[in-house]
Amino acid sequence: MGELSEADVVAQCLSLHMRLKPVIEKILRCDAYYTIGWVSLEKSEMFKQTEESLSEMLKRGINGSSINIHAWLTLPSLEILDFSLPTTYAKIHGLEDGKGAVVSKHPSELTGGMMYQPMLVGEEFLSKSGAMRFFATYSI
């Protein structure tokens, strides 16, 4: 797969997880579901969306590369695979701890008040909203 730089990971969840999906499916020999949603922490919410805000994105389209939504992969066991959030969070908050880390847990095993809030499953939203045209072009 090669090595990804911090720039390849930070705020690149939509593109990164789209590219990792077939790799993960091949390695784990199971489906990996592209999941769009938001994350709540003990005292904050990250990338929060509502059904109404997502519907509005579909109506208006997405016109900029700064999109306030999050994506990860979900396995049939409901385990979450998030290859971007720990590094993005560390970068935003000026932390070294978390860079290069991966969330790889069942939701019942998450700690610190962390909860993933899935809103959509599948890639269709990305093409219909126009978000795909802002993806980074590196390959995995």
Foldseek 3Di string as FASTA:
>chain_A
DDDDDLVCFALQQVQVQVQCQVVCCVVVVFHKWKFKAWKDAPPGTALHDDPVRLVVLLVVADDDLDHSIHIWIATPVRWTWGQHVQSNVCVVVVHPPSNRDIRTGRQVPDDRRMHTDTDDIDDPSCVSRVNVVSHDDDHD
